[in-house]
Amino acid sequence: MDIYNDKKTYFYKLKNSCNKVWSEYTDHKFLFDLVSNKLPDKNFKKYLVQDYVFLQQFLKILALSVYKSNSFEEINRSVNFIKGIDHEIKLHTSYCKKWKISLNSLSNIKVERANSAYTDHVLSVGKNGNNLDIFSCLAPCIIGYGEIGFKLSKIKNWKKSKYSSWIKMYSSKEYQQIAKDNIDYLDILFKKNKNKNLNKLKKNFKKSTILERNFWECFV
């Protein structure tokens, strides 16, 4: 079953509210250059470096979601997501080594504005909101990468790409489960929050999607 197009989910409602931007993000040229071997090595290396920094900030946002939790169940959810991202960071570190990127050099890089803009956005929303606000903003990243991995793995000969290990990570059973868990958690948070502002949530989701799309633009 395609979990990304289940019309019953809150995630689908968010995605469907900004279809054009969502398509620009999940069908971006960067991704098709990556799967078709047209992406230059230097562009992929630049992405790896920027994404490594992004993941550090991402963990801080998940830590904020622990603080914003109102039950042990919510705390455990956030902690488990942190564990999942920690696994992603370890894989990312191995990619850096494979592509001969020194881990010591990663602490002195210039962070692209398109990179920091997304995490700044989510932190701003999170500080003034709750976990529904936070995970609605994070959905384009956590769930979006799952959908991207799922779609790319359906393209013929994707395994022949020199970047196939990246596609394999996000299309893996483990990451697809992380994406599904986030879709399910969004449904739980949406039902629990009686005073939610759906238009505001859609607006923040769309902004996150635009910022994710802009992030890809740095590497084409």
Protein backbone atom coordinates (compact mmCIF):
# COMPACT_ATOMS: atom_id res chain seq x y z
CA MET A 1 0.00 0.00 0.00
CA ASP A 2 1.19 3.52 -0.84
CA ILE A 3 1.13 5.13 2.62
CA TYR A 4 1.85 8.55 1.13
CA ASN A 5 -1.44 8.85 -0.72
CA ASP A 6 -3.86 7.54 1.89
CA LYS A 7 -6.60 10.16 1.77
CA LYS A 8 -7.70 9.33 5.31
CA THR A 9 -4.52 10.68 6.89
CA TYR A 10 -3.83 14.15 8.19
CA PHE A 11 -0.53 14.10 6.31
CA TYR A 12 -2.40 13.69 3.01
CA LYS A 13 -4.58 16.69 3.88
CA LEU A 14 -1.46 18.78 4.43
CA LYS A 15 0.24 17.55 1.26
CA ASN A 16 -2.90 17.96 -0.82
CA SER A 17 -3.20 21.58 0.32
CA CYS A 18 0.00 22.48 -1.59
CA ASN A 19 0.20 19.91 -4.40
CA LYS A 20 2.20 22.09 -6.79
CA VAL A 21 4.93 22.92 -4.29
CA TRP A 22 5.00 19.33 -3.03
CA SER A 23 5.59 18.07 -6.56
CA GLU A 24 8.35 20.65 -7.11
CA TYR A 25 10.04 19.28 -3.99
CA THR A 26 9.59 15.51 -4.42
CA ASP A 27 10.11 15.53 -8.21
CA HIS A 28 13.02 17.97 -8.17
CA LYS A 29 15.75 17.92 -10.82
CA PHE A 30 18.35 17.13 -8.12
CA LEU A 31 16.61 13.82 -7.43
CA PHE A 32 16.30 12.77 -11.05
CA ASP A 33 19.91 13.76 -11.74
CA LEU A 34 20.84 11.63 -8.74
CA VAL A 35 18.96 8.52 -9.88
CA SER A 36 20.06 8.90 -13.53
CA ASN A 37 23.78 9.43 -12.71
CA LYS A 38 23.72 12.96 -14.14
CA LEU A 39 24.48 14.63 -10.81
CA PRO A 40 28.16 15.74 -10.63
CA ASP A 41 30.18 14.29 -7.75
CA LYS A 42 30.95 17.77 -6.41
CA ASN A 43 27.24 18.53 -6.13
CA PHE A 44 26.55 15.35 -4.18
CA LYS A 45 29.49 16.03 -1.87
CA LYS A 46 28.17 19.52 -1.24
CA TYR A 47 24.80 18.03 -0.39
CA LEU A 48 26.35 15.52 2.03
CA VAL A 49 28.20 18.28 3.86
CA GLN A 50 25.16 20.54 4.15
CA ASP A 51 22.86 17.68 5.15
CA TYR A 52 25.27 16.59 7.89
CA VAL A 53 24.94 20.03 9.48
CA PHE A 54 21.18 19.95 8.94
CA LEU A 55 20.85 16.64 10.80
CA GLN A 56 22.58 18.15 13.85
CA GLN A 57 19.98 20.92 13.98
CA PHE A 58 17.26 18.40 13.28
CA LEU A 59 18.14 16.50 16.46
CA LYS A 60 17.81 19.72 18.45
CA ILE A 61 14.29 20.18 17.08
CA LEU A 62 13.38 16.63 18.11
CA ALA A 63 14.80 17.39 21.55
CA LEU A 64 12.45 20.39 21.68
CA SER A 65 9.57 18.02 20.91
CA VAL A 66 10.53 16.00 24.01
CA TYR A 67 10.28 19.18 26.09
CA LYS A 68 6.93 20.04 24.50
CA SER A 69 5.48 16.58 25.19
CA ASN A 70 2.47 16.24 27.48
CA SER A 71 2.66 12.52 28.21
CA PHE A 72 5.10 9.65 28.49
CA GLU A 73 3.75 8.35 25.19
CA GLU A 74 4.69 11.60 23.42
CA ILE A 75 8.12 11.60 25.09
CA ASN A 76 8.76 8.01 23.96
CA ARG A 77 7.66 8.84 20.43
CA SER A 78 10.14 11.72 20.20
CA VAL A 79 12.94 9.66 21.76
CA ASN A 80 12.33 6.85 19.27
CA PHE A 81 12.44 9.32 16.38
CA ILE A 82 15.76 10.63 17.74
CA LYS A 83 17.09 7.05 17.73
CA GLY A 84 15.95 6.67 14.13
CA ILE A 85 17.69 9.87 13.06
CA ASP A 86 20.81 8.79 14.96
CA HIS A 87 20.92 5.71 12.72
CA GLU A 88 20.59 8.00 9.69
CA ILE A 89 23.49 10.14 10.95
CA LYS A 90 25.70 7.05 11.26
CA LEU A 91 24.90 6.09 7.67
CA HIS A 92 25.52 9.68 6.62
CA THR A 93 28.92 9.60 8.32
CA SER A 94 29.82 6.46 6.40
CA TYR A 95 28.85 8.22 3.16
CA CYS A 96 31.16 11.10 4.01
CA LYS A 97 34.04 8.67 4.48
CA LYS A 98 33.16 6.91 1.22
CA TRP A 99 33.23 10.22 -0.64
CA LYS A 100 36.47 11.23 1.12
CA ILE A 101 34.96 14.06 3.14
CA SER A 102 36.88 14.68 6.34
CA LEU A 103 34.60 14.70 9.38
CA ASN A 104 36.88 17.30 10.99
CA SER A 105 36.18 19.67 8.12
CA LEU A 106 32.44 19.53 8.75
CA SER A 107 32.70 21.72 11.84
CA ASN A 108 34.11 24.64 9.82
CA ILE A 109 31.84 24.76 6.80
CA LYS A 110 29.72 27.67 5.68
CA VAL A 111 26.08 26.78 6.18
CA GLU A 112 23.90 27.60 3.18
CA ARG A 113 21.09 30.03 3.95
CA ALA A 114 18.61 27.62 2.35
CA ASN A 115 19.82 25.04 4.89
CA SER A 116 19.45 27.10 8.05
CA ALA A 117 16.18 28.69 6.87
CA TYR A 118 14.28 25.44 7.32
CA THR A 119 15.51 24.63 10.81
CA ASP A 120 15.06 28.27 11.85
CA HIS A 121 11.46 28.06 10.64
CA VAL A 122 10.68 24.85 12.56
CA LEU A 123 12.38 26.09 15.75
CA SER A 124 10.42 29.33 15.59
CA VAL A 125 7.12 27.48 15.14
CA GLY A 126 8.04 24.93 17.80
CA LYS A 127 9.00 27.43 20.47
CA ASN A 128 5.61 29.10 20.18
CA GLY A 129 3.55 25.97 19.47
CA ASN A 130 3.14 22.33 20.42
CA ASN A 131 4.10 18.95 19.00
CA LEU A 132 1.39 19.09 16.36
CA ASP A 133 2.98 22.30 15.10
CA ILE A 134 6.48 20.82 15.24
CA PHE A 135 5.72 17.52 13.48
CA SER A 136 3.55 19.22 10.87
CA CYS A 137 6.59 21.35 9.99
CA LEU A 138 8.93 18.36 10.07
CA ALA A 139 6.68 16.18 7.89
CA PRO A 140 8.10 17.44 4.55
CA CYS A 141 11.51 16.28 5.73
CA ILE A 142 10.82 13.04 7.64
CA ILE A 143 7.89 11.79 5.59
CA GLY A 144 8.94 13.57 2.40
CA TYR A 145 12.28 11.74 2.27
CA GLY A 146 10.39 8.48 2.70
CA GLU A 147 8.12 9.29 -0.24
CA ILE A 148 11.11 10.34 -2.33
CA GLY A 149 12.96 7.10 -1.53
CA PHE A 150 9.82 5.09 -2.31
CA LYS A 151 9.33 6.82 -5.68
CA LEU A 152 12.97 6.65 -6.76
CA SER A 153 13.14 2.93 -5.96
CA LYS A 154 10.35 2.37 -8.50
CA ILE A 155 12.42 3.86 -11.33
CA LYS A 156 13.95 1.29 -13.65
CA ASN A 157 17.69 0.69 -13.19
CA TRP A 158 17.94 2.87 -10.06
CA LYS A 159 20.39 0.38 -8.60
CA LYS A 160 22.86 1.26 -11.37
CA SER A 161 23.19 4.80 -10.06
CA LYS A 162 26.44 5.52 -8.21
CA TYR A 163 24.19 7.17 -5.62
CA SER A 164 22.06 4.04 -5.21
CA SER A 165 23.10 3.62 -1.56
CA TRP A 166 21.37 6.94 -0.78
CA ILE A 167 18.18 5.76 -2.50
CA LYS A 168 18.47 2.42 -0.74
CA MET A 169 18.61 4.11 2.67
CA TYR A 170 15.42 6.12 2.20
CA SER A 171 13.54 3.32 0.43
CA SER A 172 14.59 0.75 3.05
CA LYS A 173 12.08 -1.05 5.21
CA GLU A 174 13.52 0.71 8.26
CA TYR A 175 13.12 4.23 6.90
CA GLN A 176 9.70 3.49 5.43
CA GLN A 177 8.64 2.45 8.92
CA ILE A 178 9.94 5.75 10.33
CA ALA A 179 7.86 7.60 7.74
CA LYS A 180 4.76 5.52 8.54
CA ASP A 181 5.24 6.07 12.28
CA ASN A 182 5.34 9.81 11.65
CA ILE A 183 2.17 9.68 9.52
CA ASP A 184 0.42 7.75 12.30
CA TYR A 185 1.72 10.11 14.98
CA LEU A 186 0.45 13.14 13.07
CA ASP A 187 -3.01 11.56 13.05
CA ILE A 188 -2.83 11.03 16.83
CA LEU A 189 -1.68 14.60 17.49
CA PHE A 190 -4.31 16.01 15.14
CA LYS A 191 -7.13 14.19 16.93
CA LYS A 192 -5.84 15.12 20.39
CA ASN A 193 -5.50 18.85 19.72
CA LYS A 194 -8.94 20.40 20.14
CA ASN A 195 -7.85 23.98 19.49
CA LYS A 196 -5.89 23.39 16.29
CA ASN A 197 -5.82 25.97 13.52
CA LEU A 198 -5.84 23.89 10.33
CA ASN A 199 -5.15 26.84 8.04
CA LYS A 200 -2.11 27.81 10.11
CA LEU A 201 -0.84 24.22 10.11
CA LYS A 202 -1.22 24.02 6.32
CA LYS A 203 0.59 27.35 5.93
CA ASN A 204 3.55 26.16 8.05
CA PHE A 205 3.64 22.81 6.21
CA LYS A 206 3.73 24.59 2.86
CA LYS A 207 6.53 26.88 4.02
CA SER A 208 8.55 23.85 5.15
CA THR A 209 8.00 22.24 1.75
CA ILE A 210 9.14 25.38 -0.06
CA LEU A 211 12.27 25.52 2.09
CA GLU A 212 13.02 21.85 1.37
CA ARG A 213 12.65 22.55 -2.36
CA ASN A 214 14.97 25.54 -2.03
CA PHE A 215 17.51 23.30 -0.29
CA TRP A 216 17.66 21.04 -3.38
CA GLU A 217 18.29 24.15 -5.50
CA CYS A 218 21.71 24.53 -3.87
CA PHE A 219 22.92 21.33 -5.54
CA VAL A 220 21.88 21.56 -9.19
